[in-house]
């Protein structure tokens, strides 16, 4: 008898059955955040795991609630722009536009064409600076540090232009009811043209470095798919829903707050709805914003930048809702006025709050490493959630 032979007299089926019993370890609950480098702020995600697969995910928000809707009741209309700059702090100029447009609607005031063009240019510049951070950080989530450095480097160019025009780098507080604070400084338009060409070159680099990387494709293709109908039902908007094939953009399909209909541009969509598609759509939209700015500069009208408005602004009694296509998605303000110098009530519809509502469904069944890439691809800002 060799060492590999078994004496039938010594064989026990009971002993063999004990060897084949799997240990039932039960589910494990894992806290991702609230202080975690992959959650982009004080955001907590409680996931229940079966091994490394997520079987349940619960987003926990409210760690930095600042009560902006209530604070607006104690501010005048011009003072509110200082508050709402800080909701989505990456694209703060874009936060101002729908609120100012809502107040102008209630007052029956229309800003001059030159002011509207400058608002549009700075809004698209805020979109570019916001998306450049995403294009770099998304690469970092899969282990590539070079795109992050490039994203931070390149977004300095549009931020420099925003600062030179408004005086504020992150919180411009530049819009006024009836127009804007100041006209563009001397030499700004020429510098803006040069910068937009740099942005187009930057997009080419990200396309080769990130989208063309096989590791990035393996980590994002087929991961975190949002069906178009389900995404719309959850209120997902912006690039996230366009990456699921929904051809909807408030710049084209909403109220004409800004003169987007006066230039030729394209709404980009992708049919896959996964993390890769969300990156692809934002890359194309960054290019499109740079082209739009170049068109707007070529067609820039002359004339005043402010309409005639009362020295003390009192908005007539009434209510209105105005929504705009912010970089993160639909942002809207529902304003109720009682005829005072400040709003009576304000309800703020932020893009990130609605976009993260799909997380419990979206994260179910994926693996822990993919949780981070899905979170990054949704691209939310905590100030835009905890408003």
Protein backbone atom coordinates (compact mmCIF):
# COMPACT_ATOMS: atom_id res chain seq x y z
CA UNK A 1 0.00 0.00 0.00
CA UNK A 2 1.29 3.40 -0.92
CA UNK A 3 0.68 6.65 0.86
CA UNK A 4 -1.96 7.50 -1.74
CA UNK A 5 -4.03 4.36 -1.25
CA UNK A 6 -6.90 4.30 1.23
CA UNK A 7 -7.90 1.15 3.11
CA UNK A 8 -11.66 0.72 2.61
CA UNK A 9 -11.91 -0.47 6.17
CA UNK A 10 -10.53 2.87 7.38
CA UNK A 11 -12.74 5.03 5.10
CA UNK A 12 -15.53 6.93 6.83
CA UNK A 13 -18.20 8.77 4.74
CA UNK A 14 -19.01 10.84 7.82
CA UNK A 15 -15.46 12.11 8.08
CA UNK A 16 -15.48 12.99 4.37
CA UNK A 17 -18.72 14.97 4.75
CA UNK A 18 -17.14 17.09 7.43
CA UNK A 19 -14.38 18.04 5.03
CA UNK A 20 -16.87 19.36 2.47
CA UNK A 21 -18.87 21.59 4.79
CA UNK A 22 -18.62 25.31 3.84
CA UNK A 23 -18.34 27.76 6.66
CA UNK A 24 -21.29 30.15 6.82
CA UNK A 25 -19.62 33.44 7.69
CA UNK A 26 -22.73 35.59 7.17
CA UNK A 27 -22.84 39.05 5.60
CA UNK A 28 -20.40 41.82 6.45
CA UNK A 29 -21.35 45.49 6.82
CA UNK A 30 -18.70 47.92 5.57
CA UNK A 31 -18.70 51.69 6.07
CA UNK A 32 -17.18 53.62 3.16
CA UNK A 33 -16.77 57.10 4.56
CA UNK A 34 -17.83 59.58 5.78
CA UNK A 35 -14.16 60.57 5.71
CA UNK A 36 -12.79 58.64 2.75
CA UNK A 37 -10.67 59.85 -0.19
CA UNK A 38 -12.95 58.14 -2.72
CA UNK A 39 -16.22 59.67 -1.52
CA UNK A 40 -15.33 63.24 -2.61
CA UNK A 41 -16.40 64.76 0.72
CA UNK A 42 -18.24 63.90 3.90
CA UNK A 43 -20.39 61.21 2.33
CA UNK A 44 -21.04 57.85 4.00
CA UNK A 45 -21.98 54.70 2.14
CA UNK A 46 -23.03 51.66 4.19
CA UNK A 47 -22.71 48.49 2.13
CA UNK A 48 -23.67 44.95 3.07
CA UNK A 49 -21.34 42.43 1.47
CA UNK A 50 -21.49 38.77 0.56
CA UNK A 51 -17.79 38.19 0.14
CA UNK A 52 -16.74 41.08 -2.09
CA UNK A 53 -20.10 41.49 -3.77
CA UNK A 54 -22.47 44.25 -2.67
CA UNK A 55 -25.93 42.97 -1.81
CA UNK A 56 -27.23 46.24 -0.36
CA UNK A 57 -26.03 49.85 -0.33
CA UNK A 58 -27.42 52.75 1.68
CA UNK A 59 -26.09 56.28 1.10
CA UNK A 60 -26.07 58.36 4.28
CA UNK A 61 -26.12 62.11 3.69
CA UNK A 62 -26.49 65.19 5.85
CA UNK A 63 -23.03 65.50 7.38
CA UNK A 64 -22.53 69.04 6.08
CA UNK A 65 -26.08 70.39 5.84
CA UNK A 66 -25.95 74.17 5.66
CA UNK A 67 -29.61 75.16 5.32
CA UNK A 68 -29.31 77.37 2.25
CA UNK A 69 -33.02 77.26 1.51
CA UNK A 70 -33.76 78.76 4.93
CA UNK A 71 -30.87 81.22 4.81
CA UNK A 72 -32.22 82.78 1.60
CA UNK A 73 -35.25 84.01 3.56
CA UNK A 74 -32.95 86.33 5.55
CA UNK A 75 -31.06 87.79 2.58
CA UNK A 76 -31.90 90.31 -0.10
CA UNK A 77 -31.96 89.04 -3.67
CA UNK A 78 -28.46 90.39 -4.52
CA UNK A 79 -27.09 88.81 -1.33
CA UNK A 80 -28.46 85.36 -2.19
CA UNK A 81 -25.90 84.93 -4.99
CA UNK A 82 -23.16 84.83 -2.34
CA UNK A 83 -24.88 81.84 -0.74
CA UNK A 84 -25.70 79.81 -3.82
CA UNK A 85 -22.14 80.17 -5.14
CA UNK A 86 -21.22 77.60 -2.52
CA UNK A 87 -23.76 74.88 -3.30
CA UNK A 88 -21.87 73.20 -6.14
CA UNK A 89 -18.61 74.92 -5.33
CA UNK A 90 -16.78 73.65 -8.42
CA UNK A 91 -19.14 75.38 -10.85
CA UNK A 92 -20.29 78.24 -8.66
CA UNK A 93 -20.87 80.78 -11.44
CA UNK A 94 -23.41 78.46 -13.04
CA UNK A 95 -25.34 78.32 -9.74
CA UNK A 96 -26.10 82.03 -9.96
CA UNK A 97 -27.66 82.09 -13.42
CA UNK A 98 -31.02 80.30 -12.84
CA UNK A 99 -31.65 82.18 -9.59
CA UNK A 100 -31.00 85.56 -11.20
CA UNK A 101 -33.12 84.54 -14.19
CA UNK A 102 -36.00 83.63 -11.86
CA UNK A 103 -35.84 87.03 -10.14
CA UNK A 104 -35.70 88.76 -13.53
CA UNK A 105 -38.80 86.86 -14.67
CA UNK A 106 -40.76 87.97 -11.61
CA UNK A 107 -39.64 91.58 -12.13
CA UNK A 108 -40.22 91.56 -15.90
CA UNK A 109 -36.60 92.54 -16.56
CA UNK A 110 -34.46 91.29 -19.45
CA UNK A 111 -30.68 91.54 -19.34
CA UNK A 112 -28.93 93.15 -22.38
CA UNK A 113 -27.61 90.81 -25.10
CA UNK A 114 -23.94 91.45 -24.21
CA UNK A 115 -24.58 90.52 -20.59
CA UNK A 116 -26.32 87.30 -21.67
CA UNK A 117 -23.39 86.36 -23.90
CA UNK A 118 -20.91 86.94 -21.10
CA UNK A 119 -23.08 84.88 -18.73
CA UNK A 120 -23.07 82.05 -21.27
CA UNK A 121 -19.32 82.15 -21.78
CA UNK A 122 -18.59 82.09 -18.05
CA UNK A 123 -21.14 79.32 -17.49
CA UNK A 124 -19.45 77.14 -20.10
CA UNK A 125 -16.07 78.03 -18.65
CA UNK A 126 -17.30 76.82 -15.26
CA UNK A 127 -18.39 73.60 -16.99
CA UNK A 128 -14.93 73.12 -18.48
CA UNK A 129 -13.13 73.68 -15.19
CA UNK A 130 -15.52 71.30 -13.41
CA UNK A 131 -15.18 68.56 -16.02
CA UNK A 132 -11.39 68.82 -16.21
CA UNK A 133 -11.24 67.91 -12.54
CA UNK A 134 -13.48 64.91 -13.25
CA UNK A 135 -11.45 63.79 -16.27
CA UNK A 136 -8.33 63.69 -14.12
CA UNK A 137 -9.83 62.30 -10.92
CA UNK A 138 -11.66 59.47 -12.68
CA UNK A 139 -8.31 58.14 -13.85
CA UNK A 140 -7.01 58.35 -10.29
CA UNK A 141 -9.83 56.08 -9.06
CA UNK A 142 -8.45 53.22 -11.16
CA UNK A 143 -4.85 53.81 -10.09
CA UNK A 144 -3.55 56.27 -12.70
CA UNK A 145 -2.10 59.35 -10.99
CA UNK A 146 -0.89 61.19 -14.12
CA UNK A 147 -4.40 62.19 -15.34
CA UNK A 148 -5.09 63.79 -11.96
CA UNK A 149 -2.04 66.02 -12.26
CA UNK A 150 -3.04 66.98 -15.80
CA UNK A 151 -6.60 67.76 -14.74
CA UNK A 152 -5.49 70.06 -11.92
CA UNK A 153 -2.94 71.72 -14.19
CA UNK A 154 -5.30 72.38 -17.10
CA UNK A 155 -8.25 73.65 -15.05
CA UNK A 156 -6.08 76.53 -13.86
CA UNK A 157 -6.41 78.14 -17.31
CA UNK A 158 -10.21 78.63 -17.25
CA UNK A 159 -10.08 79.52 -13.55
CA UNK A 160 -7.59 82.27 -14.35
CA UNK A 161 -10.01 83.67 -16.93
CA UNK A 162 -12.95 83.50 -14.52
CA UNK A 163 -10.91 85.31 -11.88
CA UNK A 164 -9.69 88.01 -14.24
CA UNK A 165 -13.26 88.73 -15.41
CA UNK A 166 -15.14 88.48 -12.11
CA UNK A 167 -12.55 88.99 -9.38
CA UNK A 168 -13.46 85.65 -7.79
CA UNK A 169 -11.76 82.37 -8.59
CA UNK A 170 -14.26 79.96 -7.05
CA UNK A 171 -17.12 82.21 -5.86
CA UNK A 172 -17.51 85.01 -8.43
CA UNK A 173 -20.77 86.63 -7.16
CA UNK A 174 -20.78 88.33 -10.57
CA UNK A 175 -24.38 88.18 -11.79
CA UNK A 176 -26.78 90.98 -11.04
CA UNK A 177 -30.52 91.27 -11.56
CA UNK A 178 -30.65 92.92 -14.98
CA UNK A 179 -27.13 92.02 -16.09
CA UNK A 180 -23.63 91.51 -14.74
CA UNK A 181 -21.29 93.42 -12.45
CA UNK A 182 -18.56 94.50 -14.92
CA UNK A 183 -17.64 94.23 -18.57
CA UNK A 184 -14.79 92.03 -19.74
CA UNK A 185 -11.30 93.48 -19.16
CA UNK A 186 -9.01 94.53 -21.99
CA UNK A 187 -7.29 91.60 -23.72
CA UNK A 188 -9.59 89.03 -22.12
CA UNK A 189 -11.23 87.86 -25.36
CA UNK A 190 -7.88 87.19 -27.08
CA UNK A 191 -6.62 85.27 -24.04
CA UNK A 192 -9.87 83.32 -23.91
CA UNK A 193 -9.45 82.19 -27.53
CA UNK A 194 -5.94 80.90 -26.81
CA UNK A 195 -7.15 79.10 -23.69
CA UNK A 196 -10.00 77.35 -25.48
CA UNK A 197 -7.55 75.97 -28.03
CA UNK A 198 -5.49 74.63 -25.13
CA UNK A 199 -8.61 73.00 -23.72
CA UNK A 200 -9.25 71.20 -27.01
CA UNK A 201 -5.67 69.90 -26.93
CA UNK A 202 -6.16 68.77 -23.32
CA UNK A 203 -9.22 66.75 -24.32
CA UNK A 204 -7.16 64.95 -26.97
CA UNK A 205 -4.62 64.02 -24.30
CA UNK A 206 -7.31 62.64 -21.96
CA UNK A 207 -8.83 60.65 -24.79
CA UNK A 208 -5.53 58.92 -25.53
CA UNK A 209 -4.28 58.61 -21.96
CA UNK A 210 -7.48 57.52 -20.20
CA UNK A 211 -10.14 56.35 -22.65
CA UNK A 212 -7.55 54.50 -24.72
CA UNK A 213 -6.11 52.70 -21.69
CA UNK A 214 -7.08 48.99 -21.61
CA UNK A 215 -7.03 48.92 -17.79
CA UNK A 216 -9.44 51.86 -17.62
CA UNK A 217 -11.72 50.17 -20.13
CA UNK A 218 -11.69 46.90 -18.20
CA UNK A 219 -12.59 48.72 -14.97
CA UNK A 220 -15.41 50.83 -16.44
CA UNK A 221 -17.05 49.05 -19.41
CA UNK A 222 -20.21 47.23 -18.40
CA UNK A 223 -19.90 48.52 -14.81
CA UNK A 224 -22.66 50.59 -13.18
CA UNK A 225 -25.13 50.54 -16.08
CA UNK A 226 -28.08 52.96 -15.68
CA UNK A 227 -31.05 52.06 -17.93
CA UNK A 228 -32.53 55.15 -19.56
CA UNK A 229 -36.06 54.67 -18.23
CA UNK A 230 -34.91 53.92 -14.69
CA UNK A 231 -32.50 56.84 -14.63
CA UNK A 232 -35.25 59.22 -15.71
CA UNK A 233 -37.58 57.77 -13.06
CA UNK A 234 -34.99 58.48 -10.36
CA UNK A 235 -34.49 62.04 -11.61
CA UNK A 236 -30.96 61.49 -12.90
CA UNK A 237 -29.97 64.37 -15.17
CA UNK A 238 -27.10 65.97 -16.99
CA UNK A 239 -24.24 63.93 -18.43
CA UNK A 240 -25.28 60.89 -16.36
CA UNK A 241 -28.61 60.50 -18.15
CA UNK A 242 -27.20 61.46 -21.56
CA UNK A 243 -24.66 58.66 -21.11
CA UNK A 244 -27.67 56.31 -21.03
CA UNK A 245 -28.86 57.47 -24.44
CA UNK A 246 -31.37 60.14 -23.35
CA UNK A 247 -31.09 63.10 -25.73
CA UNK A 248 -32.09 65.81 -23.26
CA UNK A 249 -30.25 69.02 -22.45
CA UNK A 250 -31.89 72.04 -20.82
CA UNK A 251 -29.61 74.38 -22.73
CA UNK A 252 -31.49 73.29 -25.86
CA UNK A 253 -34.76 71.86 -24.53
CA UNK A 254 -35.51 74.10 -21.53
CA UNK A 255 -36.37 77.75 -21.14
CA UNK A 256 -34.14 80.03 -23.25
CA UNK A 257 -32.30 81.61 -20.30
CA UNK A 258 -29.11 82.12 -22.33
CA UNK A 259 -28.53 82.53 -26.09
CA UNK A 260 -27.59 78.91 -26.85
CA UNK A 261 -30.01 78.94 -29.78
CA UNK A 262 -27.89 81.59 -31.50
CA UNK A 263 -24.89 79.29 -31.99
CA UNK A 264 -24.39 75.88 -33.56
CA UNK A 265 -23.60 73.10 -31.08
CA UNK A 266 -24.31 69.44 -30.41
CA UNK A 267 -25.80 67.42 -27.53
CA UNK A 268 -23.66 64.30 -26.96
CA UNK A 269 -25.15 60.96 -25.90
CA UNK A 270 -23.92 57.39 -25.44
CA UNK A 271 -25.99 54.23 -25.51
CA UNK A 272 -24.09 52.04 -23.00
CA UNK A 273 -25.02 53.83 -19.76
CA UNK A 274 -21.96 52.51 -17.88
CA UNK A 275 -19.06 54.23 -16.11
CA UNK A 276 -17.10 54.37 -19.37
CA UNK A 277 -20.00 56.09 -21.16
CA UNK A 278 -20.29 58.73 -18.45
CA UNK A 279 -16.60 59.56 -18.82
CA UNK A 280 -16.90 59.63 -22.62
CA UNK A 281 -19.88 61.99 -22.59
CA UNK A 282 -18.21 64.46 -20.23
CA UNK A 283 -15.08 64.45 -22.36
CA UNK A 284 -17.12 65.29 -25.48
CA UNK A 285 -19.05 67.97 -23.60
CA UNK A 286 -15.79 69.58 -22.48
CA UNK A 287 -14.75 69.84 -26.12
CA UNK A 288 -18.19 71.14 -27.09
CA UNK A 289 -18.08 73.85 -24.40
CA UNK A 290 -14.72 75.08 -25.72
CA UNK A 291 -16.14 75.26 -29.25
CA UNK A 292 -19.25 77.05 -27.99
CA UNK A 293 -17.14 79.69 -26.26
CA UNK A 294 -15.18 80.31 -29.46
CA UNK A 295 -18.46 80.79 -31.37
CA UNK A 296 -19.81 83.13 -28.69
CA UNK A 297 -16.65 85.24 -28.79
CA UNK A 298 -16.97 85.59 -32.56
CA UNK A 299 -20.58 86.76 -32.22
CA UNK A 300 -20.17 88.90 -29.09
CA UNK A 301 -22.50 91.90 -29.35
CA UNK A 302 -21.57 95.36 -28.13
CA UNK A 303 -23.66 97.54 -25.88
CA UNK A 304 -24.55 97.87 -22.19
CA UNK A 305 -24.16 95.10 -19.63
CA UNK A 306 -26.97 96.21 -17.29
CA UNK A 307 -30.63 96.94 -17.77
CA UNK A 308 -32.33 99.73 -15.85
CA UNK A 309 -33.28 98.40 -12.42
CA UNK A 310 -34.41 100.15 -9.23
CA UNK A 311 -31.73 101.06 -6.72
CA UNK A 312 -33.51 99.04 -4.05
CA UNK A 313 -34.74 95.81 -5.59
CA UNK A 314 -38.17 94.57 -4.52
CA UNK A 315 -39.47 91.62 -6.47
CA UNK A 316 -43.25 91.75 -7.10
CA UNK A 317 -45.49 89.18 -5.48
CA UNK A 318 -45.57 85.89 -7.35
CA UNK A 319 -43.83 82.56 -7.76
CA UNK A 320 -41.79 80.86 -10.45
CA UNK A 321 -39.52 77.88 -11.12
CA UNK A 322 -36.47 78.23 -13.32
CA UNK A 323 -34.09 75.37 -14.14
CA UNK A 324 -30.78 75.38 -15.99
CA UNK A 325 -28.33 72.78 -17.29
CA UNK A 326 -25.56 73.00 -14.71
CA UNK A 327 -22.36 70.96 -15.14
CA UNK A 328 -23.67 68.28 -12.76
CA UNK A 329 -27.20 68.24 -14.21
CA UNK A 330 -30.48 70.08 -13.72
CA UNK A 331 -30.37 72.85 -11.12
CA UNK A 332 -33.54 74.77 -10.43
CA UNK A 333 -34.95 77.38 -8.06
CA UNK A 334 -38.57 77.63 -7.03
CA UNK A 335 -39.01 81.15 -5.65
CA UNK A 336 -42.03 82.55 -3.83
CA UNK A 337 -42.06 86.32 -3.48
CA UNK A 338 -44.28 88.43 -1.23
CA UNK A 339 -43.08 91.72 -2.71
CA UNK A 340 -40.18 92.25 -0.29
CA UNK A 341 -36.46 92.83 -0.84
CA UNK A 342 -35.80 89.14 -0.26
CA UNK A 343 -37.57 85.89 -1.15
CA UNK A 344 -40.34 84.52 1.06
CA UNK A 345 -39.50 80.89 0.29
CA UNK A 346 -36.91 79.18 -1.94
CA UNK A 347 -36.76 75.52 -2.92
CA UNK A 348 -33.50 74.45 -4.56
CA UNK A 349 -33.41 71.48 -6.91
CA UNK A 350 -29.79 70.29 -7.03
CA UNK A 351 -28.46 67.78 -9.54
CA UNK A 352 -26.29 65.72 -7.17
CA UNK A 353 -29.13 65.08 -4.69
CA UNK A 354 -31.21 63.43 -7.41
CA UNK A 355 -28.27 61.67 -9.06
CA UNK A 356 -27.20 59.83 -5.88
CA UNK A 357 -30.75 58.62 -5.25
CA UNK A 358 -30.18 55.80 -7.73
CA UNK A 359 -27.19 54.44 -5.77
CA UNK A 360 -29.02 51.70 -3.79
CA UNK A 361 -30.20 50.17 -7.05
CA UNK A 362 -27.05 50.89 -9.04
CA UNK A 363 -24.53 49.41 -6.58
CA UNK A 364 -26.42 46.21 -5.90
CA UNK A 365 -24.55 43.16 -7.18
CA UNK A 366 -21.23 44.82 -8.05
CA UNK A 367 -17.86 44.21 -6.39
CA UNK A 368 -16.25 46.49 -3.80
CA UNK A 369 -13.49 47.88 -6.09
CA UNK A 370 -16.15 48.82 -8.65
CA UNK A 371 -18.07 50.82 -6.02
CA UNK A 372 -15.36 53.48 -6.17
CA UNK A 373 -15.39 53.80 -9.96
CA UNK A 374 -19.19 53.99 -10.06
CA UNK A 375 -19.22 56.72 -7.40
CA UNK A 376 -16.59 58.65 -9.33
CA UNK A 377 -18.45 58.28 -12.63
CA UNK A 378 -21.65 59.75 -11.15
CA UNK A 379 -19.59 62.83 -10.20
CA UNK A 380 -21.46 64.44 -7.33
CA UNK A 381 -20.48 67.32 -5.05
CA UNK A 382 -21.43 67.09 -1.38
CA UNK A 383 -22.43 70.74 -1.18
CA UNK A 384 -24.85 69.99 -4.02
CA UNK A 385 -26.40 67.17 -1.93
CA UNK A 386 -26.41 68.67 1.57
CA UNK A 387 -27.82 72.02 0.49
